[in-house]
Amino acid sequence: MAGISRVQEARRNLQRAIRKAKKECWNRFLQGTEGRELWTATGYTKPRIDKAGQSLTLEDGSIAEGHQDREQAILTAHFPPGPSDSYSPAGGWQAFQRVTPDLVGSLLGKASNTAAPASGKN
């Protein structure tokens, strides 16, 4: 058990040293900035999911954490709510048709099965 506690203590000490080095490096960077460099530096402090993407925010402004929160943020930001069940377009036209398993099955049954997908042949 003594070996495990030494490893845990060494990990804690390493994490402390890393945090201290990062803080000192950041403070030196901020002390040496001039003009717009300081505003550029604030871009580095914004939370991000990864280095390539922006963080997702919910409607209340909080950052989406977890799969369900991210899914909800994407749905509300990029997919408007559908029309209500009582909606009927003017002039008797059919504006949309609800997608159901029966509809998908009937459309797949009507599709040609002699051509590869996206080959341009039907």
PDB file of N, CA and C in Angstrom:
ATOM      1  N   MET A   1       0.801  -1.206   0.000  1.00  0.00           N
ATOM      2  CA  MET A   1       0.000   0.000   0.000  1.00  0.00           C
ATOM      3  C   MET A   1       0.842   1.268   0.000  1.00  0.00           C
ATOM      4  N   ALA A   2       2.011   1.191   0.562  1.00  0.00           N
ATOM      5  CA  ALA A   2       2.868   2.369   0.624  1.00  0.00           C
ATOM      6  C   ALA A   2       3.283   2.810  -0.770  1.00  0.00           C
ATOM      7  N   GLY A   3       3.475   1.842  -1.670  1.00  0.00           N
ATOM      8  CA  GLY A   3       3.850   2.171  -3.042  1.00  0.00           C
ATOM      9  C   GLY A   3       2.743   2.918  -3.769  1.00  0.00           C
ATOM     10  N   ILE A   4       1.489   2.512  -3.556  1.00  0.00           N
ATOM     11  CA  ILE A   4       0.348   3.168  -4.203  1.00  0.00           C
ATOM     12  C   ILE A   4       0.201   4.598  -3.708  1.00  0.00           C
ATOM     13  N   SER A   5       0.364   4.802  -2.412  1.00  0.00           N
ATOM     14  CA  SER A   5       0.224   6.160  -1.883  1.00  0.00           C
ATOM     15  C   SER A   5       1.344   7.064  -2.398  1.00  0.00           C
ATOM     16  N   ARG A   6       2.545   6.509  -2.600  1.00  0.00           N
ATOM     17  CA  ARG A   6       3.630   7.320  -3.161  1.00  0.00           C
ATOM     18  C   ARG A   6       3.341   7.698  -4.601  1.00  0.00           C
ATOM     19  N   VAL A   7       2.752   6.773  -5.358  1.00  0.00           N
ATOM     20  CA  VAL A   7       2.395   7.073  -6.748  1.00  0.00           C
ATOM     21  C   VAL A   7       1.321   8.155  -6.797  1.00  0.00           C
ATOM     22  N   GLN A   8       0.303   8.031  -5.946  1.00  0.00           N
ATOM     23  CA  GLN A   8      -0.754   9.038  -5.907  1.00  0.00           C
ATOM     24  C   GLN A   8      -0.210  10.403  -5.515  1.00  0.00           C
ATOM     25  N   GLU A   9       0.690  10.441  -4.544  1.00  0.00           N
ATOM     26  CA  GLU A   9       1.298  11.710  -4.123  1.00  0.00           C
ATOM     27  C   GLU A   9       2.143  12.297  -5.246  1.00  0.00           C
ATOM     28  N   ALA A  10       2.863  11.448  -5.967  1.00  0.00           N
ATOM     29  CA  ALA A  10       3.674  11.927  -7.093  1.00  0.00           C
ATOM     30  C   ALA A  10       2.777  12.499  -8.188  1.00  0.00           C
ATOM     31  N   ARG A  11       1.634  11.872  -8.458  1.00  0.00           N
ATOM     32  CA  ARG A  11       0.684  12.394  -9.458  1.00  0.00           C
ATOM     33  C   ARG A  11       0.139  13.750  -9.039  1.00  0.00           C
ATOM     34  N   ARG A  12      -0.238  13.875  -7.761  1.00  0.00           N
ATOM     35  CA  ARG A  12      -0.742  15.160  -7.266  1.00  0.00           C
ATOM     36  C   ARG A  12       0.318  16.246  -7.402  1.00  0.00           C
ATOM     37  N   ASN A  13       1.549  15.911  -7.041  1.00  0.00           N
ATOM     38  CA  ASN A  13       2.631  16.888  -7.154  1.00  0.00           C
ATOM     39  C   ASN A  13       2.869  17.282  -8.605  1.00  0.00           C
ATOM     40  N   LEU A  14       2.791  16.313  -9.511  1.00  0.00           N
ATOM     41  CA  LEU A  14       2.959  16.611 -10.934  1.00  0.00           C
ATOM     42  C   LEU A  14       1.856  17.541 -11.421  1.00  0.00           C
ATOM     43  N   GLN A  15       0.601  17.267 -11.070  1.00  0.00           N
ATOM     44  CA  GLN A  15      -0.515  18.115 -11.487  1.00  0.00           C
ATOM     45  C   GLN A  15      -0.365  19.532 -10.931  1.00  0.00           C
ATOM     46  N   ARG A  16       0.064  19.646  -9.681  1.00  0.00           N
ATOM     47  CA  ARG A  16       0.296  20.972  -9.093  1.00  0.00           C
ATOM     48  C   ARG A  16       1.372  21.722  -9.864  1.00  0.00           C
ATOM     49  N   ALA A  17       2.454  21.021 -10.187  1.00  0.00           N
ATOM     50  CA  ALA A  17       3.557  21.664 -10.917  1.00  0.00           C
ATOM     51  C   ALA A  17       3.103  22.101 -12.306  1.00  0.00           C
ATOM     52  N   ILE A  18       2.288  21.289 -12.969  1.00  0.00           N
ATOM     53  CA  ILE A  18       1.778  21.644 -14.299  1.00  0.00           C
ATOM     54  C   ILE A  18       0.887  22.878 -14.213  1.00  0.00           C
ATOM     55  N   ARG A  19      -0.050  22.883 -13.245  1.00  0.00           N
ATOM     56  CA  ARG A  19      -0.924  24.053 -13.080  1.00  0.00           C
ATOM     57  C   ARG A  19      -0.124  25.316 -12.786  1.00  0.00           C
ATOM     58  N   LYS A  20       0.888  25.190 -11.922  1.00  0.00           N
ATOM     59  CA  LYS A  20       1.718  26.342 -11.572  1.00  0.00           C
ATOM     60  C   LYS A  20       2.477  26.846 -12.798  1.00  0.00           C
ATOM     61  N   ALA A  21       3.035  25.942 -13.587  1.00  0.00           N
ATOM     62  CA  ALA A  21       3.787  26.339 -14.793  1.00  0.00           C
ATOM     63  C   ALA A  21       2.869  27.004 -15.809  1.00  0.00           C
ATOM     64  N   LYS A  22       1.662  26.460 -15.989  1.00  0.00           N
ATOM     65  CA  LYS A  22       0.715  27.068 -16.923  1.00  0.00           C
ATOM     66  C   LYS A  22       0.334  28.478 -16.473  1.00  0.00           C
ATOM     67  N   LYS A  23       0.077  28.629 -15.183  1.00  0.00           N
ATOM     68  CA  LYS A  23      -0.306  29.934 -14.650  1.00  0.00           C
ATOM     69  C   LYS A  23       0.818  30.947 -14.835  1.00  0.00           C
ATOM     70  N   GLU A  24       2.040  30.544 -14.534  1.00  0.00           N
ATOM     71  CA  GLU A  24       3.176  31.451 -14.698  1.00  0.00           C
ATOM     72  C   GLU A  24       3.380  31.815 -16.165  1.00  0.00           C
ATOM     73  N   CYS A  25       3.259  30.850 -17.056  1.00  0.00           N
ATOM     74  CA  CYS A  25       3.421  31.102 -18.488  1.00  0.00           C
ATOM     75  C   CYS A  25       2.339  32.068 -18.984  1.00  0.00           C
ATOM     76  N   TRP A  26       1.102  31.851 -18.572  1.00  0.00           N
ATOM     77  CA  TRP A  26      -0.003  32.712 -18.988  1.00  0.00           C
ATOM     78  C   TRP A  26       0.200  34.133 -18.481  1.00  0.00           C
ATOM     79  N   ASN A  27       0.613  34.267 -17.220  1.00  0.00           N
ATOM     80  CA  ASN A  27       0.834  35.603 -16.659  1.00  0.00           C
ATOM     81  C   ASN A  27       1.970  36.325 -17.373  1.00  0.00           C
ATOM     82  N   ARG A  28       3.047  35.604 -17.727  1.00  0.00           N
ATOM     83  CA  ARG A  28       4.141  36.229 -18.491  1.00  0.00           C
ATOM     84  C   ARG A  28       3.642  36.676 -19.863  1.00  0.00           C
ATOM     85  N   PHE A  29       2.812  35.841 -20.483  1.00  0.00           N
ATOM     86  CA  PHE A  29       2.256  36.197 -21.786  1.00  0.00           C
ATOM     87  C   PHE A  29       1.423  37.466 -21.682  1.00  0.00           C
ATOM     88  N   LEU A  30       0.550  37.542 -20.684  1.00  0.00           N
ATOM     89  CA  LEU A  30      -0.305  38.716 -20.522  1.00  0.00           C
ATOM     90  C   LEU A  30       0.499  39.972 -20.218  1.00  0.00           C
ATOM     91  N   GLN A  31       1.577  39.847 -19.462  1.00  0.00           N
ATOM     92  CA  GLN A  31       2.406  41.012 -19.141  1.00  0.00           C
ATOM     93  C   GLN A  31       3.103  41.557 -20.384  1.00  0.00           C
ATOM     94  N   GLY A  32       3.391  40.688 -21.350  1.00  0.00           N
ATOM     95  CA  GLY A  32       4.104  41.122 -22.542  1.00  0.00           C
ATOM     96  C   GLY A  32       3.217  41.544 -23.695  1.00  0.00           C
ATOM     97  N   THR A  33       1.907  41.525 -23.531  1.00  0.00           N
ATOM     98  CA  THR A  33       1.008  41.869 -24.635  1.00  0.00           C
ATOM     99  C   THR A  33       0.826  43.367 -24.747  1.00  0.00           C
ATOM    100  N   GLU A  34       0.561  43.787 -25.979  1.00  0.00           N
ATOM    101  CA  GLU A  34       0.292  45.200 -26.243  1.00  0.00           C
ATOM    102  C   GLU A  34      -0.864  45.314 -27.214  1.00  0.00           C
ATOM    103  N   GLY A  35      -1.687  46.328 -27.020  1.00  0.00           N
ATOM    104  CA  GLY A  35      -2.766  46.616 -27.963  1.00  0.00           C
ATOM    105  C   GLY A  35      -3.741  45.456 -28.142  1.00  0.00           C
ATOM    106  N   ARG A  36      -3.934  45.075 -29.400  1.00  0.00           N
ATOM    107  CA  ARG A  36      -4.938  44.059 -29.733  1.00  0.00           C
ATOM    108  C   ARG A  36      -4.518  42.642 -29.331  1.00  0.00           C
ATOM    109  N   GLU A  37      -3.248  42.450 -29.008  1.00  0.00           N
ATOM    110  CA  GLU A  37      -2.799  41.119 -28.602  1.00  0.00           C
ATOM    111  C   GLU A  37      -3.566  40.621 -27.385  1.00  0.00           C
ATOM    112  N   LEU A  38      -3.898  41.531 -26.496  1.00  0.00           N
ATOM    113  CA  LEU A  38      -4.641  41.144 -25.304  1.00  0.00           C
ATOM    114  C   LEU A  38      -6.017  40.601 -25.683  1.00  0.00           C
ATOM    115  N   TRP A  39      -6.681  41.249 -26.661  1.00  0.00           N
ATOM    116  CA  TRP A  39      -7.997  40.780 -27.087  1.00  0.00           C
ATOM    117  C   TRP A  39      -7.888  39.457 -27.832  1.00  0.00           C
ATOM    118  N   THR A  40      -6.810  39.255 -28.541  1.00  0.00           N
ATOM    119  CA  THR A  40      -6.577  37.966 -29.195  1.00  0.00           C
ATOM    120  C   THR A  40      -6.415  36.884 -28.138  1.00  0.00           C
ATOM    121  N   ALA A  41      -5.757  37.220 -27.056  1.00  0.00           N
ATOM    122  CA  ALA A  41      -5.519  36.256 -25.986  1.00  0.00           C
ATOM    123  C   ALA A  41      -6.819  35.788 -25.349  1.00  0.00           C
ATOM    124  N   THR A  42      -7.826  36.656 -25.298  1.00  0.00           N
ATOM    125  CA  THR A  42      -9.092  36.222 -24.688  1.00  0.00           C
ATOM    126  C   THR A  42      -9.756  35.118 -25.504  1.00  0.00           C
ATOM    127  N   GLY A  43      -9.452  35.041 -26.795  1.00  0.00           N
ATOM    128  CA  GLY A  43      -9.987  33.955 -27.620  1.00  0.00           C
ATOM    129  C   GLY A  43      -9.477  32.597 -27.186  1.00  0.00           C
ATOM    130  N   TYR A  44      -8.317  32.563 -26.560  1.00  0.00           N
ATOM    131  CA  TYR A  44      -7.764  31.295 -26.093  1.00  0.00           C
ATOM    132  C   TYR A  44      -8.455  30.799 -24.832  1.00  0.00           C
ATOM    133  N   THR A  45      -9.165  31.668 -24.148  1.00  0.00           N
ATOM    134  CA  THR A  45      -9.796  31.277 -22.892  1.00  0.00           C
ATOM    135  C   THR A  45     -11.238  30.824 -23.063  1.00  0.00           C
ATOM    136  N   LYS A  46     -11.794  30.921 -24.268  1.00  0.00           N
ATOM    137  CA  LYS A  46     -13.174  30.506 -24.486  1.00  0.00           C
ATOM    138  C   LYS A  46     -13.259  28.981 -24.468  1.00  0.00           C
ATOM    139  N   PRO A  47     -14.289  28.430 -23.825  1.00  0.00           N
ATOM    140  CA  PRO A  47     -14.403  26.964 -23.775  1.00  0.00           C
ATOM    141  C   PRO A  47     -14.700  26.391 -25.156  1.00  0.00           C
ATOM    142  N   ARG A  48     -14.096  25.267 -25.446  1.00  0.00           N
ATOM    143  CA  ARG A  48     -14.293  24.581 -26.715  1.00  0.00           C
ATOM    144  C   ARG A  48     -14.433  23.095 -26.457  1.00  0.00           C
ATOM    145  N   ILE A  49     -15.172  22.435 -27.328  1.00  0.00           N
ATOM    146  CA  ILE A  49     -15.299  20.982 -27.209  1.00  0.00           C
ATOM    147  C   ILE A  49     -13.963  20.331 -27.560  1.00  0.00           C
ATOM    148  N   ASP A  50     -13.392  20.752 -28.643  1.00  0.00           N
ATOM    149  CA  ASP A  50     -12.076  20.286 -29.036  1.00  0.00           C
ATOM    150  C   ASP A  50     -11.370  21.422 -29.755  1.00  0.00           C
ATOM    151  N   LYS A  51     -10.170  21.200 -30.224  1.00  0.00           N
ATOM    152  CA  LYS A  51      -9.412  22.279 -30.836  1.00  0.00           C
ATOM    153  C   LYS A  51     -10.018  22.738 -32.152  1.00  0.00           C
ATOM    154  N   ALA A  52     -10.834  21.909 -32.793  1.00  0.00           N
ATOM    155  CA  ALA A  52     -11.368  22.252 -34.108  1.00  0.00           C
ATOM    156  C   ALA A  52     -12.772  22.846 -34.052  1.00  0.00           C
ATOM    157  N   GLY A  53     -13.522  22.643 -32.979  1.00  0.00           N
ATOM    158  CA  GLY A  53     -14.924  23.045 -32.972  1.00  0.00           C
ATOM    159  C   GLY A  53     -15.273  24.017 -31.870  1.00  0.00           C
ATOM    160  N   GLN A  54     -16.406  24.655 -32.022  1.00  0.00           N
ATOM    161  CA  GLN A  54     -16.925  25.569 -31.019  1.00  0.00           C
ATOM    162  C   GLN A  54     -17.744  24.788 -30.002  1.00  0.00           C
ATOM    163  N   SER A  55     -17.877  25.327 -28.811  1.00  0.00           N
ATOM    164  CA  SER A  55     -18.722  24.693 -27.821  1.00  0.00           C
ATOM    165  C   SER A  55     -20.187  24.954 -28.168  1.00  0.00           C
ATOM    166  N   LEU A  56     -21.037  24.033 -27.819  1.00  0.00           N
ATOM    167  CA  LEU A  56     -22.471  24.176 -28.059  1.00  0.00           C
ATOM    168  C   LEU A  56     -23.104  24.805 -26.830  1.00  0.00           C
ATOM    169  N   THR A  57     -23.966  25.800 -27.060  1.00  0.00           N
ATOM    170  CA  THR A  57     -24.640  26.450 -25.945  1.00  0.00           C
ATOM    171  C   THR A  57     -26.134  26.195 -26.039  1.00  0.00           C
ATOM    172  N   LEU A  58     -26.747  26.050 -24.880  1.00  0.00           N
ATOM    173  CA  LEU A  58     -28.190  25.841 -24.795  1.00  0.00           C
ATOM    174  C   LEU A  58     -28.898  27.191 -24.873  1.00  0.00           C
ATOM    175  N   GLU A  59     -30.216  27.159 -24.938  1.00  0.00           N
ATOM    176  CA  GLU A  59     -30.999  28.394 -25.053  1.00  0.00           C
ATOM    177  C   GLU A  59     -30.777  29.328 -23.876  1.00  0.00           C
ATOM    178  N   ASP A  60     -30.504  28.774 -22.684  1.00  0.00           N
ATOM    179  CA  ASP A  60     -30.293  29.623 -21.510  1.00  0.00           C
ATOM    180  C   ASP A  60     -28.869  30.169 -21.417  1.00  0.00           C
ATOM    181  N   GLY A  61     -28.015  29.841 -22.410  1.00  0.00           N
ATOM    182  CA  GLY A  61     -26.654  30.359 -22.451  1.00  0.00           C
ATOM    183  C   GLY A  61     -25.621  29.451 -21.826  1.00  0.00           C
ATOM    184  N   SER A  62     -26.051  28.380 -21.166  1.00  0.00           N
ATOM    185  CA  SER A  62     -25.086  27.471 -20.559  1.00  0.00           C
ATOM    186  C   SER A  62     -24.471  26.562 -21.627  1.00  0.00           C
ATOM    187  N   ILE A  63     -23.305  26.031 -21.326  1.00  0.00           N
ATOM    188  CA  ILE A  63     -22.590  25.160 -22.265  1.00  0.00           C
ATOM    189  C   ILE A  63     -23.169  23.757 -22.181  1.00  0.00           C
ATOM    190  N   ALA A  64     -23.442  23.183 -23.354  1.00  0.00           N
ATOM    191  CA  ALA A  64     -24.013  21.833 -23.411  1.00  0.00           C
ATOM    192  C   ALA A  64     -22.951  20.821 -23.027  1.00  0.00           C
ATOM    193  N   GLU A  65     -23.261  20.031 -22.018  1.00  0.00           N
ATOM    194  CA  GLU A  65     -22.357  18.974 -21.571  1.00  0.00           C
ATOM    195  C   GLU A  65     -23.122  17.667 -21.631  1.00  0.00           C
ATOM    196  N   GLY A  66     -22.530  16.681 -22.193  1.00  0.00           N
ATOM    197  CA  GLY A  66     -23.179  15.389 -22.307  1.00  0.00           C
ATOM    198  C   GLY A  66     -23.904  15.247 -23.632  1.00  0.00           C
ATOM    199  N   HIS A  67     -24.143  14.018 -23.995  1.00  0.00           N
ATOM    200  CA  HIS A  67     -24.731  13.711 -25.300  1.00  0.00           C
ATOM    201  C   HIS A  67     -26.126  14.315 -25.472  1.00  0.00           C
ATOM    202  N   GLN A  68     -26.983  14.178 -24.462  1.00  0.00           N
ATOM    203  CA  GLN A  68     -28.359  14.666 -24.591  1.00  0.00           C
ATOM    204  C   GLN A  68     -28.413  16.186 -24.704  1.00  0.00           C
ATOM    205  N   ASP A  69     -27.594  16.896 -23.922  1.00  0.00           N
ATOM    206  CA  ASP A  69     -27.570  18.363 -24.008  1.00  0.00           C
ATOM    207  C   ASP A  69     -27.081  18.827 -25.372  1.00  0.00           C
ATOM    208  N   ARG A  70     -26.040  18.167 -25.895  1.00  0.00           N
ATOM    209  CA  ARG A  70     -25.521  18.548 -27.215  1.00  0.00           C
ATOM    210  C   ARG A  70     -26.560  18.290 -28.300  1.00  0.00           C
ATOM    211  N   GLU A  71     -27.224  17.153 -28.204  1.00  0.00           N
ATOM    212  CA  GLU A  71     -28.259  16.833 -29.189  1.00  0.00           C
ATOM    213  C   GLU A  71     -29.367  17.874 -29.161  1.00  0.00           C
ATOM    214  N   GLN A  72     -29.800  18.256 -27.982  1.00  0.00           N
ATOM    215  CA  GLN A  72     -30.868  19.253 -27.848  1.00  0.00           C
ATOM    216  C   GLN A  72     -30.420  20.601 -28.401  1.00  0.00           C
ATOM    217  N   ALA A  73     -29.162  20.989 -28.140  1.00  0.00           N
ATOM    218  CA  ALA A  73     -28.657  22.264 -28.642  1.00  0.00           C
ATOM    219  C   ALA A  73     -28.644  22.291 -30.165  1.00  0.00           C
ATOM    220  N   ILE A  74     -28.230  21.195 -30.778  1.00  0.00           N
ATOM    221  CA  ILE A  74     -28.200  21.117 -32.242  1.00  0.00           C
ATOM    222  C   ILE A  74     -29.612  21.154 -32.806  1.00  0.00           C
ATOM    223  N   LEU A  75     -30.524  20.398 -32.208  1.00  0.00           N
ATOM    224  CA  LEU A  75     -31.903  20.360 -32.708  1.00  0.00           C
ATOM    225  C   LEU A  75     -32.570  21.725 -32.625  1.00  0.00           C
ATOM    226  N   THR A  76     -32.413  22.409 -31.515  1.00  0.00           N
ATOM    227  CA  THR A  76     -33.085  23.710 -31.384  1.00  0.00           C
ATOM    228  C   THR A  76     -32.434  24.777 -32.252  1.00  0.00           C
ATOM    229  N   ALA A  77     -31.126  24.674 -32.496  1.00  0.00           N
ATOM    230  CA  ALA A  77     -30.442  25.698 -33.281  1.00  0.00           C
ATOM    231  C   ALA A  77     -30.638  25.521 -34.779  1.00  0.00           C
ATOM    232  N   HIS A  78     -30.756  24.293 -35.257  1.00  0.00           N
ATOM    233  CA  HIS A  78     -30.719  24.059 -36.701  1.00  0.00           C
ATOM    234  C   HIS A  78     -31.981  23.436 -37.301  1.00  0.00           C
ATOM    235  N   PHE A  79     -32.889  22.978 -36.468  1.00  0.00           N
ATOM    236  CA  PHE A  79     -34.088  22.345 -36.991  1.00  0.00           C
ATOM    237  C   PHE A  79     -35.322  23.015 -36.383  1.00  0.00           C
ATOM    238  N   PRO A  80     -36.037  23.788 -37.181  1.00  0.00           N
ATOM    239  CA  PRO A  80     -37.230  24.452 -36.643  1.00  0.00           C
ATOM    240  C   PRO A  80     -38.305  23.425 -36.318  1.00  0.00           C
ATOM    241  N   PRO A  81     -39.192  23.765 -35.405  1.00  0.00           N
ATOM    242  CA  PRO A  81     -40.265  22.825 -35.083  1.00  0.00           C
ATOM    243  C   PRO A  81     -41.176  22.627 -36.292  1.00  0.00           C
ATOM    244  N   GLY A  82     -41.682  21.425 -36.443  1.00  0.00           N
ATOM    245  CA  GLY A  82     -42.561  21.112 -37.564  1.00  0.00           C
ATOM    246  C   GLY A  82     -43.940  21.715 -37.370  1.00  0.00           C
ATOM    247  N   PRO A  83     -44.746  21.686 -38.404  1.00  0.00           N
ATOM    248  CA  PRO A  83     -46.107  22.231 -38.279  1.00  0.00           C
ATOM    249  C   PRO A  83     -46.948  21.357 -37.354  1.00  0.00           C
ATOM    250  N   SER A  84     -47.952  21.970 -36.785  1.00  0.00           N
ATOM    251  CA  SER A  84     -48.833  21.210 -35.902  1.00  0.00           C
ATOM    252  C   SER A  84     -49.659  20.226 -36.720  1.00  0.00           C
ATOM    253  N   ASP A  85     -50.258  19.272 -36.053  1.00  0.00           N
ATOM    254  CA  ASP A  85     -51.073  18.264 -36.740  1.00  0.00           C
ATOM    255  C   ASP A  85     -52.306  18.873 -37.398  1.00  0.00           C
ATOM    256  N   SER A  86     -52.743  20.023 -36.918  1.00  0.00           N
ATOM    257  CA  SER A  86     -53.956  20.626 -37.461  1.00  0.00           C
ATOM    258  C   SER A  86     -53.671  21.556 -38.644  1.00  0.00           C
ATOM    259  N   TYR A  87     -52.430  21.657 -39.090  1.00  0.00           N
ATOM    260  CA  TYR A  87     -52.064  22.573 -40.175  1.00  0.00           C
ATOM    261  C   TYR A  87     -52.576  22.043 -41.509  1.00  0.00           C
ATOM    262  N   SER A  88     -53.204  22.919 -42.275  1.00  0.00           N
ATOM    263  CA  SER A  88     -53.604  22.560 -43.637  1.00  0.00           C
ATOM    264  C   SER A  88     -53.301  23.743 -44.540  1.00  0.00           C
ATOM    265  N   PRO A  89     -52.546  23.529 -45.606  1.00  0.00           N
ATOM    266  CA  PRO A  89     -52.171  24.634 -46.485  1.00  0.00           C
ATOM    267  C   PRO A  89     -53.365  25.179 -47.251  1.00  0.00           C
ATOM    268  N   ALA A  90     -53.256  26.438 -47.670  1.00  0.00           N
ATOM    269  CA  ALA A  90     -54.325  27.079 -48.425  1.00  0.00           C
ATOM    270  C   ALA A  90     -54.431  26.457 -49.812  1.00  0.00           C
ATOM    271  N   GLY A  91     -55.623  26.418 -50.363  1.00  0.00           N
ATOM    272  CA  GLY A  91     -55.838  25.913 -51.721  1.00  0.00           C
ATOM    273  C   GLY A  91     -55.916  24.402 -51.809  1.00  0.00           C
ATOM    274  N   GLY A  92     -55.941  23.714 -50.671  1.00  0.00           N
ATOM    275  CA  GLY A  92     -56.072  22.260 -50.701  1.00  0.00           C
ATOM    276  C   GLY A  92     -54.810  21.510 -51.076  1.00  0.00           C
ATOM    277  N   TRP A  93     -53.662  22.188 -51.142  1.00  0.00           N
ATOM    278  CA  TRP A  93     -52.409  21.519 -51.487  1.00  0.00           C
ATOM    279  C   TRP A  93     -51.917  20.689 -50.313  1.00  0.00           C
ATOM    280  N   GLN A  94     -51.036  19.753 -50.611  1.00  0.00           N
ATOM    281  CA  GLN A  94     -50.421  18.957 -49.558  1.00  0.00           C
ATOM    282  C   GLN A  94     -48.994  19.456 -49.380  1.00  0.00           C
ATOM    283  N   ALA A  95     -48.731  20.100 -48.251  1.00  0.00           N
ATOM    284  CA  ALA A  95     -47.428  20.719 -48.034  1.00  0.00           C
ATOM    285  C   ALA A  95     -46.394  19.716 -47.546  1.00  0.00           C
ATOM    286  N   PHE A  96     -46.827  18.692 -46.867  1.00  0.00           N
ATOM    287  CA  PHE A  96     -45.889  17.716 -46.323  1.00  0.00           C
ATOM    288  C   PHE A  96     -46.637  16.416 -46.071  1.00  0.00           C
ATOM    289  N   GLN A  97     -45.887  15.388 -45.877  1.00  0.00           N
ATOM    290  CA  GLN A  97     -46.471  14.099 -45.528  1.00  0.00           C
ATOM    291  C   GLN A  97     -45.646  13.526 -44.394  1.00  0.00           C
ATOM    292  N   ARG A  98     -46.283  13.114 -43.336  1.00  0.00           N
ATOM    293  CA  ARG A  98     -45.571  12.560 -42.197  1.00  0.00           C
ATOM    294  C   ARG A  98     -44.848  11.282 -42.611  1.00  0.00           C
ATOM    295  N   VAL A  99     -43.619  11.146 -42.155  1.00  0.00           N
ATOM    296  CA  VAL A  99     -42.844   9.947 -42.453  1.00  0.00           C
ATOM    297  C   VAL A  99     -43.193   8.891 -41.421  1.00  0.00           C
ATOM    298  N   THR A 100     -43.674   7.784 -41.891  1.00  0.00           N
ATOM    299  CA  THR A 100     -44.044   6.665 -41.038  1.00  0.00           C
ATOM    300  C   THR A 100     -43.334   5.414 -41.548  1.00  0.00           C
ATOM    301  N   PRO A 101     -43.262   4.383 -40.747  1.00  0.00           N
ATOM    302  CA  PRO A 101     -42.656   3.135 -41.238  1.00  0.00           C
ATOM    303  C   PRO A 101     -43.383   2.580 -42.470  1.00  0.00           C
ATOM    304  N   ASP A 102     -44.696   2.742 -42.532  1.00  0.00           N
ATOM    305  CA  ASP A 102     -45.443   2.259 -43.699  1.00  0.00           C
ATOM    306  C   ASP A 102     -45.067   3.038 -44.951  1.00  0.00           C
ATOM    307  N   LEU A 103     -44.926   4.355 -44.829  1.00  0.00           N
ATOM    308  CA  LEU A 103     -44.540   5.174 -45.970  1.00  0.00           C
ATOM    309  C   LEU A 103     -43.155   4.782 -46.473  1.00  0.00           C
ATOM    310  N   VAL A 104     -42.210   4.618 -45.558  1.00  0.00           N
ATOM    311  CA  VAL A 104     -40.849   4.237 -45.949  1.00  0.00           C
ATOM    312  C   VAL A 104     -40.863   2.880 -46.637  1.00  0.00           C
ATOM    313  N   GLY A 105     -41.609   1.936 -46.080  1.00  0.00           N
ATOM    314  CA  GLY A 105     -41.692   0.608 -46.688  1.00  0.00           C
ATOM    315  C   GLY A 105     -42.284   0.643 -48.078  1.00  0.00           C
ATOM    316  N   SER A 106     -43.348   1.441 -48.285  1.00  0.00           N
ATOM    317  CA  SER A 106     -43.966   1.497 -49.609  1.00  0.00           C
ATOM    318  C   SER A 106     -43.046   2.171 -50.617  1.00  0.00           C
ATOM    319  N   LEU A 107     -42.326   3.207 -50.217  1.00  0.00           N
ATOM    320  CA  LEU A 107     -41.392   3.874 -51.127  1.00  0.00           C
ATOM    321  C   LEU A 107     -40.218   2.965 -51.478  1.00  0.00           C
ATOM    322  N   LEU A 108     -39.723   2.213 -50.507  1.00  0.00           N
ATOM    323  CA  LEU A 108     -38.638   1.275 -50.800  1.00  0.00           C
ATOM    324  C   LEU A 108     -39.119   0.155 -51.712  1.00  0.00           C
ATOM    325  N   GLY A 109     -40.375  -0.253 -51.553  1.00  0.00           N
ATOM    326  CA  GLY A 109     -40.935  -1.296 -52.422  1.00  0.00           C
ATOM    327  C   GLY A 109     -41.069  -0.837 -53.857  1.00  0.00           C
ATOM    328  N   LYS A 110     -41.293   0.455 -54.067  1.00  0.00           N
ATOM    329  CA  LYS A 110     -41.443   0.994 -55.417  1.00  0.00           C
ATOM    330  C   LYS A 110     -40.093   1.269 -56.089  1.00  0.00           C
ATOM    331  N   ALA A 111     -39.024   1.356 -55.295  1.00  0.00           N
ATOM    332  CA  ALA A 111     -37.710   1.696 -55.838  1.00  0.00           C
ATOM    333  C   ALA A 111     -37.147   0.520 -56.637  1.00  0.00           C
ATOM    334  N   SER A 112     -36.396   0.849 -57.672  1.00  0.00           N
ATOM    335  CA  SER A 112     -35.761  -0.168 -58.508  1.00  0.00           C
ATOM    336  C   SER A 112     -34.606  -0.802 -57.737  1.00  0.00           C
ATOM    337  N   ASN A 113     -34.500  -2.105 -57.842  1.00  0.00           N
ATOM    338  CA  ASN A 113     -33.401  -2.773 -57.170  1.00  0.00           C
ATOM    339  C   ASN A 113     -32.399  -3.332 -58.177  1.00  0.00           C
ATOM    340  N   THR A 114     -32.410  -2.803 -59.393  1.00  0.00           N
ATOM    341  CA  THR A 114     -31.498  -3.300 -60.430  1.00  0.00           C
ATOM    342  C   THR A 114     -30.292  -2.379 -60.595  1.00  0.00           C
ATOM    343  N   ALA A 115     -30.255  -1.249 -59.919  1.00  0.00           N
ATOM    344  CA  ALA A 115     -29.141  -0.321 -60.070  1.00  0.00           C
ATOM    345  C   ALA A 115     -28.514  -0.051 -58.718  1.00  0.00           C
ATOM    346  N   ALA A 116     -27.231   0.221 -58.744  1.00  0.00           N
ATOM    347  CA  ALA A 116     -26.531   0.561 -57.508  1.00  0.00           C
ATOM    348  C   ALA A 116     -26.961   1.959 -57.052  1.00  0.00           C
ATOM    349  N   PRO A 117     -26.941   2.232 -55.761  1.00  0.00           N
ATOM    350  CA  PRO A 117     -27.270   3.559 -55.279  1.00  0.00           C
ATOM    351  C   PRO A 117     -26.373   4.629 -55.894  1.00  0.00           C
ATOM    352  N   ALA A 118     -26.953   5.762 -56.231  1.00  0.00           N
ATOM    353  CA  ALA A 118     -26.261   6.920 -56.798  1.00  0.00           C
ATOM    354  C   ALA A 118     -25.606   6.626 -58.147  1.00  0.00           C
ATOM    355  N   SER A 119     -26.066   5.598 -58.853  1.00  0.00           N
ATOM    356  CA  SER A 119     -25.477   5.325 -60.155  1.00  0.00           C
ATOM    357  C   SER A 119     -26.142   6.141 -61.255  1.00  0.00           C
ATOM    358  N   GLY A 120     -27.284   6.752 -60.913  1.00  0.00           N
ATOM    359  CA  GLY A 120     -27.996   7.554 -61.917  1.00  0.00           C
ATOM    360  C   GLY A 120     -28.990   6.757 -62.722  1.00  0.00           C
ATOM    361  N   LYS A 121     -29.029   5.441 -62.518  1.00  0.00           N
ATOM    362  CA  LYS A 121     -30.001   4.598 -63.243  1.00  0.00           C
ATOM    363  C   LYS A 121     -31.142   4.263 -62.308  1.00  0.00           C
ATOM    364  N   ASN A 122     -32.350   4.235 -62.827  1.00  0.00           N
ATOM    365  CA  ASN A 122     -33.521   3.863 -62.031  1.00  0.00           C
ATOM    366  C   ASN A 122     -34.247   2.706 -62.656  1.00  0.00           C
TER     367      ASN A 122
END
